[in-house]
Amino acid sequence: MNFDALEKLAQSGNATTKDTVADKFNRAIAQVIPFSQKWEKFVPDAYWDDIGKVWTVGHGLTQIPDANTGKLRAVRQGDKLTKDQSAKIMGRKFRENAYNMYMNIPWMRNLSQKSLSAALDTAYNAGWGIFSKSKSPSLNKKMSAPGANPDDVYWSEHDTYTRSGAKSKVPGLVNRRADARKKWGPSK
């Protein structure tokens, strides 16, 4: 997926800085991929993820392109990927998440590039819908308050994305969010 649609939206007056929205999202993606690869250990053979209850391969991928159709399908037992294949699919996933976040979660457009990078990392391992009104009502309510600073609001909620389903906090997610805060969070 490319960012032609984002570029057209940015040129229509929706950009909030000199840089286009597409440029900001692309820079955030470039920053976040190596960070996410650090946290998503590469595994070439599909394995069962007990926490997510899903087959996973590569850098934490749960969907891969079908060899015959090219369309995404769920990872299955026996699937294999090279590191390069995984990196390409990972980049595609980040671009798709960024596009969906831009189109469906308007306040994402107003995040700084650093906050956007952290949000993209969270979306990679939790799904971009994690920021929807139904899954993050507190975050969205705070974002819609008059005078709300999107970066401040995002970071006030960032550390809450540490659970898998209804389970208690997952130590790896706690550490990952702390690392993202250290890398991109506000310096206070």
C-alpha atoms as a PDB file:
ATOM      1  CA  MET A   1       0.000   0.000   0.000  1.00  0.00           C
ATOM      2  CA  ASN A   2       1.287   3.474  -0.768  1.00  0.00           C
ATOM      3  CA  PHE A   3       0.358   6.786   0.742  1.00  0.00           C
ATOM      4  CA  ASP A   4      -1.154   8.416  -2.355  1.00  0.00           C
ATOM      5  CA  ALA A   5      -4.494   8.748  -0.575  1.00  0.00           C
ATOM      6  CA  LEU A   6      -2.825  10.316   2.452  1.00  0.00           C
ATOM      7  CA  GLU A   7      -0.883  12.675   0.210  1.00  0.00           C
ATOM      8  CA  LYS A   8      -4.076  13.867  -1.496  1.00  0.00           C
ATOM      9  CA  LEU A   9      -5.710  14.433   1.898  1.00  0.00           C
ATOM     10  CA  ALA A  10      -2.672  16.364   3.085  1.00  0.00           C
ATOM     11  CA  GLN A  11      -2.727  18.586   0.006  1.00  0.00           C
ATOM     12  CA  SER A  12      -6.411  19.309   0.574  1.00  0.00           C
ATOM     13  CA  GLY A  13      -5.530  21.312   3.674  1.00  0.00           C
ATOM     14  CA  ASN A  14      -5.617  18.657   6.366  1.00  0.00           C
ATOM     15  CA  ALA A  15      -1.864  18.781   7.021  1.00  0.00           C
ATOM     16  CA  THR A  16      -0.931  20.387  10.318  1.00  0.00           C
ATOM     17  CA  THR A  17       2.753  21.066   9.550  1.00  0.00           C
ATOM     18  CA  LYS A  18       4.925  22.004   6.585  1.00  0.00           C
ATOM     19  CA  ASP A  19       5.574  18.324   6.057  1.00  0.00           C
ATOM     20  CA  THR A  20       2.818  16.325   4.506  1.00  0.00           C
ATOM     21  CA  VAL A  21       0.926  13.872   6.624  1.00  0.00           C
ATOM     22  CA  ALA A  22       2.190  11.072   4.393  1.00  0.00           C
ATOM     23  CA  ASP A  23       5.788  12.127   5.021  1.00  0.00           C
ATOM     24  CA  LYS A  24       5.209  12.165   8.784  1.00  0.00           C
ATOM     25  CA  PHE A  25       3.656   8.705   8.715  1.00  0.00           C
ATOM     26  CA  ASN A  26       6.432   7.343   6.467  1.00  0.00           C
ATOM     27  CA  ARG A  27       9.148   8.727   8.764  1.00  0.00           C
ATOM     28  CA  ALA A  28       7.384   7.221  11.784  1.00  0.00           C
ATOM     29  CA  ILE A  29       7.202   3.848  10.030  1.00  0.00           C
ATOM     30  CA  ALA A  30      10.914   3.998   9.194  1.00  0.00           C
ATOM     31  CA  GLN A  31      11.678   4.698  12.875  1.00  0.00           C
ATOM     32  CA  VAL A  32       9.402   2.072  14.324  1.00  0.00           C
ATOM     33  CA  ILE A  33      10.273  -0.967  12.195  1.00  0.00           C
ATOM     34  CA  PRO A  34      13.739  -1.538  13.734  1.00  0.00           C
ATOM     35  CA  PHE A  35      12.297  -0.876  17.195  1.00  0.00           C
ATOM     36  CA  SER A  36       9.528  -3.437  16.680  1.00  0.00           C
ATOM     37  CA  GLN A  37      11.955  -5.964  15.216  1.00  0.00           C
ATOM     38  CA  LYS A  38      13.947  -5.696  18.438  1.00  0.00           C
ATOM     39  CA  TRP A  39      10.845  -6.717  20.410  1.00  0.00           C
ATOM     40  CA  GLU A  40       9.414  -9.207  17.909  1.00  0.00           C
ATOM     41  CA  LYS A  41      12.046 -11.918  17.918  1.00  0.00           C
ATOM     42  CA  PHE A  42      12.404 -13.409  14.432  1.00  0.00           C
ATOM     43  CA  VAL A  43      11.252 -17.031  14.261  1.00  0.00           C
ATOM     44  CA  PRO A  44      11.379 -18.585  10.762  1.00  0.00           C
ATOM     45  CA  ASP A  45       8.958 -21.468  11.461  1.00  0.00           C
ATOM     46  CA  ALA A  46       5.332 -20.926  12.455  1.00  0.00           C
ATOM     47  CA  TYR A  47       4.733 -21.420  16.175  1.00  0.00           C
ATOM     48  CA  TRP A  48       1.687 -21.371  18.417  1.00  0.00           C
ATOM     49  CA  ASP A  49       1.550 -18.167  20.476  1.00  0.00           C
ATOM     50  CA  ASP A  50       0.003 -19.174  23.805  1.00  0.00           C
ATOM     51  CA  ILE A  51      -0.663 -15.565  24.815  1.00  0.00           C
ATOM     52  CA  GLY A  52      -2.394 -14.478  21.603  1.00  0.00           C
ATOM     53  CA  LYS A  53      -3.793 -17.969  20.909  1.00  0.00           C
ATOM     54  CA  VAL A  54      -2.764 -17.737  17.251  1.00  0.00           C
ATOM     55  CA  TRP A  55      -0.192 -19.178  14.854  1.00  0.00           C
ATOM     56  CA  THR A  56       2.670 -16.726  14.421  1.00  0.00           C
ATOM     57  CA  VAL A  57       5.773 -16.552  12.203  1.00  0.00           C
ATOM     58  CA  GLY A  58       8.636 -14.189  11.421  1.00  0.00           C
ATOM     59  CA  HIS A  59       8.569 -10.968  13.436  1.00  0.00           C
ATOM     60  CA  GLY A  60       5.301 -11.661  15.259  1.00  0.00           C
ATOM     61  CA  LEU A  61       3.215 -11.954  12.082  1.00  0.00           C
ATOM     62  CA  THR A  62      -0.203 -13.562  12.330  1.00  0.00           C
ATOM     63  CA  GLN A  63      -1.077 -13.036   8.673  1.00  0.00           C
ATOM     64  CA  ILE A  64       1.026 -13.583   5.579  1.00  0.00           C
ATOM     65  CA  PRO A  65       0.366 -13.358   1.835  1.00  0.00           C
ATOM     66  CA  ASP A  66      -0.933 -16.545   0.264  1.00  0.00           C
ATOM     67  CA  ALA A  67       1.627 -17.894  -2.206  1.00  0.00           C
ATOM     68  CA  ASN A  68      -1.042 -18.410  -4.899  1.00  0.00           C
ATOM     69  CA  THR A  69      -3.239 -15.329  -4.539  1.00  0.00           C
ATOM     70  CA  GLY A  70      -1.051 -12.792  -2.731  1.00  0.00           C
ATOM     71  CA  LYS A  71      -3.982 -12.027  -0.430  1.00  0.00           C
ATOM     72  CA  LEU A  72      -3.360 -12.075   3.299  1.00  0.00           C
ATOM     73  CA  ARG A  73      -4.327 -15.215   5.159  1.00  0.00           C
ATOM     74  CA  ALA A  74      -3.866 -16.488   8.691  1.00  0.00           C
ATOM     75  CA  VAL A  75      -0.540 -18.098   9.500  1.00  0.00           C
ATOM     76  CA  ARG A  76      -0.800 -21.885   9.654  1.00  0.00           C
ATOM     77  CA  GLN A  77       1.288 -24.623  11.179  1.00  0.00           C
ATOM     78  CA  GLY A  78       4.140 -25.442   8.807  1.00  0.00           C
ATOM     79  CA  ASP A  79       4.480 -21.909   7.355  1.00  0.00           C
ATOM     80  CA  LYS A  80       8.030 -20.627   6.998  1.00  0.00           C
ATOM     81  CA  LEU A  81       9.517 -17.210   6.247  1.00  0.00           C
ATOM     82  CA  THR A  82      12.969 -15.822   5.661  1.00  0.00           C
ATOM     83  CA  LYS A  83      14.053 -12.744   7.582  1.00  0.00           C
ATOM     84  CA  ASP A  84      13.756 -10.649   4.395  1.00  0.00           C
ATOM     85  CA  GLN A  85      10.237 -11.924   3.679  1.00  0.00           C
ATOM     86  CA  SER A  86       9.224 -11.173   7.249  1.00  0.00           C
ATOM     87  CA  ALA A  87      10.658  -7.640   7.063  1.00  0.00           C
ATOM     88  CA  LYS A  88       8.731  -6.931   3.834  1.00  0.00           C
ATOM     89  CA  ILE A  89       5.461  -8.205   5.289  1.00  0.00           C
ATOM     90  CA  MET A  90       6.131  -6.268   8.478  1.00  0.00           C
ATOM     91  CA  GLY A  91       6.575  -3.056   6.458  1.00  0.00           C
ATOM     92  CA  ARG A  92       3.317  -3.755   4.625  1.00  0.00           C
ATOM     93  CA  LYS A  93       1.539  -4.269   7.946  1.00  0.00           C
ATOM     94  CA  PHE A  94       2.868  -0.968   9.294  1.00  0.00           C
ATOM     95  CA  ARG A  95       1.728   0.886   6.168  1.00  0.00           C
ATOM     96  CA  GLU A  96      -1.719  -0.702   6.339  1.00  0.00           C
ATOM     97  CA  ASN A  97      -2.037   0.111  10.045  1.00  0.00           C
ATOM     98  CA  ALA A  98      -0.915   3.703   9.438  1.00  0.00           C
ATOM     99  CA  TYR A  99      -3.442   4.146   6.654  1.00  0.00           C
ATOM    100  CA  ASN A 100      -6.279   2.652   8.725  1.00  0.00           C
ATOM    101  CA  MET A 101      -5.331   4.748  11.737  1.00  0.00           C
ATOM    102  CA  TYR A 102      -5.259   7.890   9.607  1.00  0.00           C
ATOM    103  CA  MET A 103      -8.617   7.170   7.993  1.00  0.00           C
ATOM    104  CA  ASN A 104     -10.455   5.950  11.107  1.00  0.00           C
ATOM    105  CA  ILE A 105      -8.851   7.692  14.083  1.00  0.00           C
ATOM    106  CA  PRO A 106      -8.600  11.394  13.185  1.00  0.00           C
ATOM    107  CA  TRP A 107      -6.628  12.469  16.254  1.00  0.00           C
ATOM    108  CA  MET A 108      -3.712  10.302  15.045  1.00  0.00           C
ATOM    109  CA  ARG A 109      -3.044  12.965  12.387  1.00  0.00           C
ATOM    110  CA  ASN A 110      -2.227  15.446  15.150  1.00  0.00           C
ATOM    111  CA  LEU A 111       0.337  13.361  17.010  1.00  0.00           C
ATOM    112  CA  SER A 112       3.987  14.338  16.788  1.00  0.00           C
ATOM    113  CA  GLN A 113       6.146  11.969  14.802  1.00  0.00           C
ATOM    114  CA  LYS A 114       7.595  10.508  18.020  1.00  0.00           C
ATOM    115  CA  SER A 115       4.179   9.807  19.516  1.00  0.00           C
ATOM    116  CA  LEU A 116       2.997   8.425  16.198  1.00  0.00           C
ATOM    117  CA  SER A 117       5.960   6.017  16.147  1.00  0.00           C
ATOM    118  CA  ALA A 118       5.003   4.735  19.599  1.00  0.00           C
ATOM    119  CA  ALA A 119       1.350   4.411  18.570  1.00  0.00           C
ATOM    120  CA  LEU A 120       2.332   2.475  15.430  1.00  0.00           C
ATOM    121  CA  ASP A 121       4.365   0.058  17.545  1.00  0.00           C
ATOM    122  CA  THR A 122       1.400  -0.478  19.855  1.00  0.00           C
ATOM    123  CA  ALA A 123      -0.860  -1.024  16.841  1.00  0.00           C
ATOM    124  CA  TYR A 124       1.567  -3.555  15.358  1.00  0.00           C
ATOM    125  CA  ASN A 125       1.272  -5.923  18.275  1.00  0.00           C
ATOM    126  CA  ALA A 126      -2.281  -5.097  19.386  1.00  0.00           C
ATOM    127  CA  GLY A 127      -3.977  -4.167  16.091  1.00  0.00           C
ATOM    128  CA  TRP A 128      -4.786  -0.613  14.996  1.00  0.00           C
ATOM    129  CA  GLY A 129      -8.345  -0.976  16.311  1.00  0.00           C
ATOM    130  CA  ILE A 130      -6.946  -0.843  19.843  1.00  0.00           C
ATOM    131  CA  PHE A 131      -7.315   2.957  19.565  1.00  0.00           C
ATOM    132  CA  SER A 132     -10.970   2.864  18.496  1.00  0.00           C
ATOM    133  CA  LYS A 133     -13.684   4.453  20.636  1.00  0.00           C
ATOM    134  CA  SER A 134     -14.986   1.048  21.686  1.00  0.00           C
ATOM    135  CA  LYS A 135     -11.601  -0.332  22.788  1.00  0.00           C
ATOM    136  CA  SER A 136     -10.098   2.875  24.179  1.00  0.00           C
ATOM    137  CA  PRO A 137     -13.033   4.975  25.419  1.00  0.00           C
ATOM    138  CA  SER A 138     -10.963   6.856  28.010  1.00  0.00           C
ATOM    139  CA  LEU A 139      -8.305   7.831  25.464  1.00  0.00           C
ATOM    140  CA  ASN A 140     -10.862   8.996  22.900  1.00  0.00           C
ATOM    141  CA  LYS A 141     -12.853  10.952  25.488  1.00  0.00           C
ATOM    142  CA  LYS A 142      -9.701  12.755  26.622  1.00  0.00           C
ATOM    143  CA  MET A 143      -8.715  13.433  22.986  1.00  0.00           C
ATOM    144  CA  SER A 144     -12.059  15.108  22.281  1.00  0.00           C
ATOM    145  CA  ALA A 145     -11.880  17.425  25.293  1.00  0.00           C
ATOM    146  CA  PRO A 146     -11.501  21.112  24.424  1.00  0.00           C
ATOM    147  CA  GLY A 147      -7.842  22.142  24.405  1.00  0.00           C
ATOM    148  CA  ALA A 148      -6.559  18.566  24.631  1.00  0.00           C
ATOM    149  CA  ASN A 149      -2.943  18.150  23.568  1.00  0.00           C
ATOM    150  CA  PRO A 150      -2.865  14.910  21.512  1.00  0.00           C
ATOM    151  CA  ASP A 151       0.690  14.004  22.552  1.00  0.00           C
ATOM    152  CA  ASP A 152       0.016  14.535  26.257  1.00  0.00           C
ATOM    153  CA  VAL A 153      -3.214  12.550  26.082  1.00  0.00           C
ATOM    154  CA  TYR A 154      -1.590   9.701  24.150  1.00  0.00           C
ATOM    155  CA  TRP A 155       1.257   9.372  26.656  1.00  0.00           C
ATOM    156  CA  SER A 156      -1.175   9.486  29.583  1.00  0.00           C
ATOM    157  CA  GLU A 157      -2.680   6.239  28.244  1.00  0.00           C
ATOM    158  CA  HIS A 158       0.320   4.616  26.501  1.00  0.00           C
ATOM    159  CA  ASP A 159       1.339   2.414  29.414  1.00  0.00           C
ATOM    160  CA  THR A 160      -2.145   0.895  29.720  1.00  0.00           C
ATOM    161  CA  TYR A 161      -1.679  -1.207  26.558  1.00  0.00           C
ATOM    162  CA  THR A 162       0.066  -4.034  28.400  1.00  0.00           C
ATOM    163  CA  ARG A 163      -2.548  -6.776  28.466  1.00  0.00           C
ATOM    164  CA  SER A 164      -3.435  -9.580  26.096  1.00  0.00           C
ATOM    165  CA  GLY A 165      -7.181 -10.078  26.123  1.00  0.00           C
ATOM    166  CA  ALA A 166      -8.592 -10.077  29.637  1.00  0.00           C
ATOM    167  CA  LYS A 167      -5.346 -11.401  31.099  1.00  0.00           C
ATOM    168  CA  SER A 168      -3.232  -9.549  33.594  1.00  0.00           C
ATOM    169  CA  LYS A 169      -0.320  -7.435  32.443  1.00  0.00           C
ATOM    170  CA  VAL A 170       2.105  -9.254  30.162  1.00  0.00           C
ATOM    171  CA  PRO A 171       5.686  -8.557  31.343  1.00  0.00           C
ATOM    172  CA  GLY A 172       7.025  -8.343  27.779  1.00  0.00           C
ATOM    173  CA  LEU A 173       4.432  -5.698  26.894  1.00  0.00           C
ATOM    174  CA  VAL A 174       5.171  -3.741  30.066  1.00  0.00           C
ATOM    175  CA  ASN A 175       8.861  -3.697  29.103  1.00  0.00           C
ATOM    176  CA  ARG A 176       8.116  -2.848  25.465  1.00  0.00           C
ATOM    177  CA  ARG A 177       5.911   0.131  26.422  1.00  0.00           C
ATOM    178  CA  ALA A 178       8.589   1.345  28.852  1.00  0.00           C
ATOM    179  CA  ASP A 179      11.200   1.117  26.090  1.00  0.00           C
ATOM    180  CA  ALA A 180       8.934   3.049  23.673  1.00  0.00           C
ATOM    181  CA  ARG A 181       8.381   5.722  26.337  1.00  0.00           C
ATOM    182  CA  LYS A 182      12.152   5.997  26.847  1.00  0.00           C
ATOM    183  CA  LYS A 183      12.760   6.304  23.095  1.00  0.00           C
ATOM    184  CA  TRP A 184       9.853   8.559  22.048  1.00  0.00           C
ATOM    185  CA  GLY A 185       8.037   9.747  25.160  1.00  0.00           C
ATOM    186  CA  PRO A 186       8.010  13.201  26.664  1.00  0.00           C
ATOM    187  CA  SER A 187      11.082  14.162  28.606  1.00  0.00           C
ATOM    188  CA  LYS A 188       9.920  15.294  32.008  1.00  0.00           C
END
